[in-house]
Amino acid sequence: MDSAFQITLLPGDGIGPEIMSVAVDVLRTVGLQLGISFEFQTALVGGAAIDGTGHPIPSVTLNRCRESDGVLLAAIGVPNGIIYQPICDQNKDCSGCDWG
């Protein structure tokens, strides 16, 4: 194959970066065995993105994903020490919800 597959990596946070490291090693090994090459770029998502940019999925991340041949997502969460409440669907009665 003449060109490499463009893969956007979304390691996220928590255990995500550790998972992603192993997943990339596996892809590289399989690629060598099958004669396939990959080019990896990393982008922020989840709690890591909120910590870094204030948004859970920044536009730069979405653009990289759209331009890639594939996207590999590990694990996502919330920023350290912050607990988010779900947002009620405005079309539903949320009076019985724990947060509504």
N, C-alpha and C. Protein backbone atom coordinates (compact mmCIF):
# COMPACT_ATOMS: atom_id res chain seq x y z
N MET A 1 0.85 -1.18 0.00
CA MET A 1 0.00 0.00 0.00
C MET A 1 0.89 1.23 0.00
N ASP A 2 0.53 2.21 -0.82
CA ASP A 2 1.36 3.40 -0.98
C ASP A 2 1.21 4.40 0.15
N SER A 3 0.00 4.53 0.71
CA SER A 3 -0.20 5.53 1.75
C SER A 3 -0.67 4.87 3.04
N ALA A 4 -0.45 5.59 4.11
CA ALA A 4 -0.81 5.08 5.42
C ALA A 4 -2.25 5.47 5.76
N PHE A 5 -2.89 4.64 6.55
CA PHE A 5 -4.20 4.98 7.08
C PHE A 5 -4.02 6.04 8.16
N GLN A 6 -4.80 7.09 8.09
CA GLN A 6 -4.76 8.16 9.08
C GLN A 6 -5.72 7.81 10.21
N ILE A 7 -5.19 7.64 11.41
CA ILE A 7 -6.00 7.24 12.56
C ILE A 7 -5.91 8.33 13.63
N THR A 8 -7.07 8.82 14.06
CA THR A 8 -7.11 9.77 15.18
C THR A 8 -7.30 8.99 16.46
N LEU A 9 -6.42 9.21 17.41
CA LEU A 9 -6.47 8.55 18.71
C LEU A 9 -7.12 9.48 19.72
N LEU A 10 -8.11 8.94 20.43
CA LEU A 10 -8.78 9.68 21.50
C LEU A 10 -8.57 8.91 22.79
N PRO A 11 -7.40 9.11 23.44
CA PRO A 11 -7.11 8.35 24.64
C PRO A 11 -8.00 8.71 25.82
N GLY A 12 -8.54 9.92 25.81
CA GLY A 12 -9.40 10.33 26.92
C GLY A 12 -8.60 10.54 28.19
N ASP A 13 -9.10 9.96 29.28
CA ASP A 13 -8.48 10.19 30.58
C ASP A 13 -8.57 8.92 31.42
N GLY A 14 -8.19 9.03 32.68
CA GLY A 14 -8.20 7.85 33.54
C GLY A 14 -7.26 6.79 32.98
N ILE A 15 -7.79 5.60 32.77
CA ILE A 15 -6.99 4.49 32.25
C ILE A 15 -6.85 4.56 30.73
N GLY A 16 -7.57 5.49 30.10
CA GLY A 16 -7.57 5.62 28.64
C GLY A 16 -6.20 5.69 27.98
N PRO A 17 -5.30 6.55 28.45
CA PRO A 17 -3.98 6.61 27.81
C PRO A 17 -3.21 5.28 27.87
N GLU A 18 -3.37 4.54 28.97
CA GLU A 18 -2.70 3.23 29.06
C GLU A 18 -3.30 2.25 28.06
N ILE A 19 -4.61 2.25 27.94
CA ILE A 19 -5.28 1.38 26.98
C ILE A 19 -4.84 1.74 25.56
N MET A 20 -4.80 3.04 25.29
CA MET A 20 -4.46 3.51 23.95
C MET A 20 -3.04 3.10 23.56
N SER A 21 -2.12 3.18 24.49
CA SER A 21 -0.74 2.80 24.22
C SER A 21 -0.65 1.36 23.74
N VAL A 22 -1.36 0.47 24.42
CA VAL A 22 -1.35 -0.94 24.05
C VAL A 22 -2.07 -1.14 22.71
N ALA A 23 -3.18 -0.47 22.51
CA ALA A 23 -3.92 -0.60 21.26
C ALA A 23 -3.08 -0.16 20.06
N VAL A 24 -2.32 0.91 20.21
CA VAL A 24 -1.45 1.38 19.13
C VAL A 24 -0.35 0.35 18.86
N ASP A 25 0.22 -0.23 19.91
CA ASP A 25 1.23 -1.28 19.72
C ASP A 25 0.65 -2.45 18.93
N VAL A 26 -0.59 -2.84 19.25
CA VAL A 26 -1.25 -3.94 18.53
C VAL A 26 -1.45 -3.57 17.07
N LEU A 27 -1.94 -2.37 16.80
CA LEU A 27 -2.14 -1.94 15.41
C LEU A 27 -0.83 -1.93 14.63
N ARG A 28 0.21 -1.44 15.24
CA ARG A 28 1.52 -1.42 14.56
C ARG A 28 2.00 -2.84 14.25
N THR A 29 1.84 -3.75 15.19
CA THR A 29 2.26 -5.13 14.98
C THR A 29 1.45 -5.79 13.87
N VAL A 30 0.15 -5.64 13.92
CA VAL A 30 -0.72 -6.21 12.88
C VAL A 30 -0.40 -5.57 11.53
N GLY A 31 -0.19 -4.26 11.54
CA GLY A 31 0.16 -3.57 10.31
C GLY A 31 1.42 -4.11 9.67
N LEU A 32 2.43 -4.37 10.48
CA LEU A 32 3.68 -4.94 9.96
C LEU A 32 3.44 -6.32 9.35
N GLN A 33 2.63 -7.12 10.01
CA GLN A 33 2.36 -8.47 9.52
C GLN A 33 1.56 -8.46 8.22
N LEU A 34 0.69 -7.46 8.05
CA LEU A 34 -0.18 -7.41 6.88
C LEU A 34 0.28 -6.42 5.81
N GLY A 35 1.38 -5.73 6.09
CA GLY A 35 1.87 -4.74 5.13
C GLY A 35 1.01 -3.49 5.07
N ILE A 36 0.40 -3.15 6.19
CA ILE A 36 -0.44 -1.95 6.29
C ILE A 36 0.27 -0.95 7.19
N SER A 37 0.25 0.32 6.80
CA SER A 37 0.87 1.32 7.67
C SER A 37 -0.19 2.30 8.19
N PHE A 38 0.10 2.83 9.34
CA PHE A 38 -0.79 3.77 10.02
C PHE A 38 -0.02 5.02 10.39
N GLU A 39 -0.69 6.13 10.32
CA GLU A 39 -0.17 7.38 10.89
C GLU A 39 -1.17 7.81 11.95
N PHE A 40 -0.65 8.07 13.14
CA PHE A 40 -1.50 8.38 14.27
C PHE A 40 -1.40 9.85 14.65
N GLN A 41 -2.53 10.42 14.99
CA GLN A 41 -2.57 11.76 15.58
C GLN A 41 -3.50 11.67 16.79
N THR A 42 -3.17 12.39 17.82
CA THR A 42 -3.93 12.33 19.06
C THR A 42 -4.74 13.61 19.24
N ALA A 43 -5.95 13.45 19.79
CA ALA A 43 -6.82 14.60 20.06
C ALA A 43 -7.46 14.42 21.43
N LEU A 44 -7.91 15.51 22.00
CA LEU A 44 -8.52 15.50 23.33
C LEU A 44 -10.01 15.20 23.25
N VAL A 45 -10.50 14.48 24.28
CA VAL A 45 -11.93 14.20 24.43
C VAL A 45 -12.22 13.92 25.90
N GLY A 46 -13.46 14.14 26.31
CA GLY A 46 -13.88 13.84 27.68
C GLY A 46 -13.31 14.78 28.71
N GLY A 47 -13.04 14.23 29.88
CA GLY A 47 -12.50 15.03 30.98
C GLY A 47 -11.18 15.68 30.65
N ALA A 48 -10.34 14.97 29.90
CA ALA A 48 -9.05 15.55 29.49
C ALA A 48 -9.27 16.78 28.62
N ALA A 49 -10.27 16.74 27.77
CA ALA A 49 -10.57 17.88 26.91
C ALA A 49 -11.17 19.03 27.72
N ILE A 50 -12.02 18.69 28.67
CA ILE A 50 -12.60 19.74 29.52
C ILE A 50 -11.50 20.42 30.32
N ASP A 51 -10.60 19.62 30.89
CA ASP A 51 -9.47 20.20 31.63
C ASP A 51 -8.61 21.08 30.74
N GLY A 52 -8.40 20.65 29.48
CA GLY A 52 -7.49 21.37 28.59
C GLY A 52 -8.11 22.52 27.83
N THR A 53 -9.42 22.39 27.50
CA THR A 53 -10.03 23.40 26.63
C THR A 53 -11.34 23.97 27.16
N GLY A 54 -11.91 23.31 28.18
CA GLY A 54 -13.20 23.76 28.69
C GLY A 54 -14.38 23.14 27.96
N HIS A 55 -14.12 22.25 27.00
CA HIS A 55 -15.20 21.63 26.22
C HIS A 55 -14.93 20.12 26.11
N PRO A 56 -15.96 19.27 26.23
CA PRO A 56 -15.74 17.83 26.22
C PRO A 56 -15.30 17.25 24.87
N ILE A 57 -15.66 17.92 23.79
CA ILE A 57 -15.20 17.47 22.48
C ILE A 57 -14.96 18.70 21.61
N PRO A 58 -13.77 19.24 21.70
CA PRO A 58 -13.43 20.48 20.99
C PRO A 58 -13.57 20.33 19.47
N SER A 59 -13.81 21.43 18.80
CA SER A 59 -13.98 21.40 17.34
C SER A 59 -12.75 20.84 16.63
N VAL A 60 -11.57 21.09 17.16
CA VAL A 60 -10.36 20.55 16.54
C VAL A 60 -10.39 19.02 16.58
N THR A 61 -10.92 18.45 17.65
CA THR A 61 -11.05 17.00 17.76
C THR A 61 -12.04 16.47 16.73
N LEU A 62 -13.19 17.12 16.63
CA LEU A 62 -14.18 16.69 15.64
C LEU A 62 -13.63 16.77 14.23
N ASN A 63 -12.92 17.84 13.92
CA ASN A 63 -12.35 17.99 12.58
C ASN A 63 -11.32 16.90 12.29
N ARG A 64 -10.46 16.60 13.25
CA ARG A 64 -9.47 15.54 13.05
C ARG A 64 -10.15 14.20 12.81
N CYS A 65 -11.19 13.93 13.58
CA CYS A 65 -11.92 12.67 13.42
C CYS A 65 -12.55 12.58 12.04
N ARG A 66 -13.16 13.66 11.59
CA ARG A 66 -13.80 13.67 10.27
C ARG A 66 -12.80 13.48 9.14
N GLU A 67 -11.60 13.98 9.32
CA GLU A 67 -10.58 13.89 8.26
C GLU A 67 -9.81 12.57 8.29
N SER A 68 -10.01 11.76 9.30
CA SER A 68 -9.27 10.52 9.47
C SER A 68 -9.94 9.36 8.73
N ASP A 69 -9.14 8.33 8.50
CA ASP A 69 -9.68 7.08 7.97
C ASP A 69 -10.35 6.27 9.07
N GLY A 70 -9.91 6.51 10.30
CA GLY A 70 -10.47 5.80 11.44
C GLY A 70 -10.22 6.55 12.73
N VAL A 71 -11.02 6.22 13.74
CA VAL A 71 -10.91 6.84 15.06
C VAL A 71 -10.86 5.73 16.10
N LEU A 72 -9.93 5.84 17.03
CA LEU A 72 -9.80 4.86 18.10
C LEU A 72 -10.02 5.58 19.43
N LEU A 73 -11.09 5.19 20.13
CA LEU A 73 -11.46 5.81 21.41
C LEU A 73 -11.16 4.84 22.54
N ALA A 74 -10.47 5.33 23.58
CA ALA A 74 -10.14 4.48 24.73
C ALA A 74 -11.17 4.66 25.83
N ALA A 75 -10.98 5.59 26.74
CA ALA A 75 -11.89 5.79 27.86
C ALA A 75 -12.04 7.27 28.15
N ILE A 76 -13.25 7.68 28.46
CA ILE A 76 -13.48 9.09 28.77
C ILE A 76 -14.18 9.22 30.11
N GLY A 77 -14.02 10.37 30.72
CA GLY A 77 -14.64 10.64 32.00
C GLY A 77 -14.85 12.13 32.17
N VAL A 78 -14.77 12.57 33.39
CA VAL A 78 -14.96 13.98 33.70
C VAL A 78 -13.69 14.53 34.33
N PRO A 79 -13.55 15.86 34.35
CA PRO A 79 -12.36 16.44 34.97
C PRO A 79 -12.24 16.04 36.44
N ASN A 80 -11.06 16.09 36.93
CA ASN A 80 -10.79 15.72 38.32
C ASN A 80 -11.64 16.52 39.30
N GLY A 81 -12.35 15.81 40.16
CA GLY A 81 -13.07 16.44 41.24
C GLY A 81 -14.40 17.06 40.86
N ILE A 82 -14.83 16.94 39.61
CA ILE A 82 -16.09 17.55 39.19
C ILE A 82 -17.11 16.46 38.95
N ILE A 83 -18.31 16.66 39.46
CA ILE A 83 -19.40 15.73 39.21
C ILE A 83 -20.44 16.46 38.38
N TYR A 84 -20.74 15.89 37.22
CA TYR A 84 -21.73 16.49 36.33
C TYR A 84 -23.07 15.83 36.51
N GLN A 85 -24.12 16.62 36.54
CA GLN A 85 -25.47 16.10 36.57
C GLN A 85 -25.97 16.00 35.13
N PRO A 86 -26.70 14.94 34.81
CA PRO A 86 -27.26 14.83 33.47
C PRO A 86 -28.23 15.99 33.21
N ILE A 87 -28.37 16.36 31.98
CA ILE A 87 -29.31 17.41 31.60
C ILE A 87 -30.60 16.73 31.19
N CYS A 88 -31.69 17.14 31.82
CA CYS A 88 -32.99 16.55 31.50
C CYS A 88 -33.38 16.88 30.07
N ASP A 89 -34.02 15.91 29.42
CA ASP A 89 -34.61 16.13 28.11
C ASP A 89 -35.79 17.08 28.30
N GLN A 90 -35.79 18.18 27.58
CA GLN A 90 -36.85 19.18 27.75
C GLN A 90 -38.20 18.64 27.34
N ASN A 91 -38.24 17.55 26.62
CA ASN A 91 -39.51 16.97 26.18
C ASN A 91 -40.05 15.95 27.17
N LYS A 92 -39.36 15.74 28.28
CA LYS A 92 -39.80 14.76 29.27
C LYS A 92 -39.99 15.44 30.61
N ASP A 93 -40.86 14.86 31.41
CA ASP A 93 -41.05 15.33 32.78
C ASP A 93 -39.93 14.76 33.63
N CYS A 94 -39.06 15.62 34.16
CA CYS A 94 -37.93 15.15 34.95
C CYS A 94 -38.16 15.30 36.45
N SER A 95 -39.40 15.52 36.84
CA SER A 95 -39.65 15.75 38.26
C SER A 95 -39.30 14.54 39.12
N GLY A 96 -39.33 13.34 38.56
CA GLY A 96 -39.01 12.14 39.31
C GLY A 96 -37.53 11.78 39.27
N CYS A 97 -36.74 12.54 38.52
CA CYS A 97 -35.32 12.23 38.40
C CYS A 97 -34.58 12.61 39.67
N ASP A 98 -33.48 11.93 39.93
CA ASP A 98 -32.66 12.25 41.09
C ASP A 98 -32.15 13.68 41.02
N TRP A 99 -31.92 14.19 39.83
CA TRP A 99 -31.35 15.51 39.66
C TRP A 99 -32.39 16.56 39.31
N GLY A 100 -33.66 16.17 39.06
CA GLY A 100 -34.69 17.12 38.60
C GLY A 100 -35.63 17.40 39.66
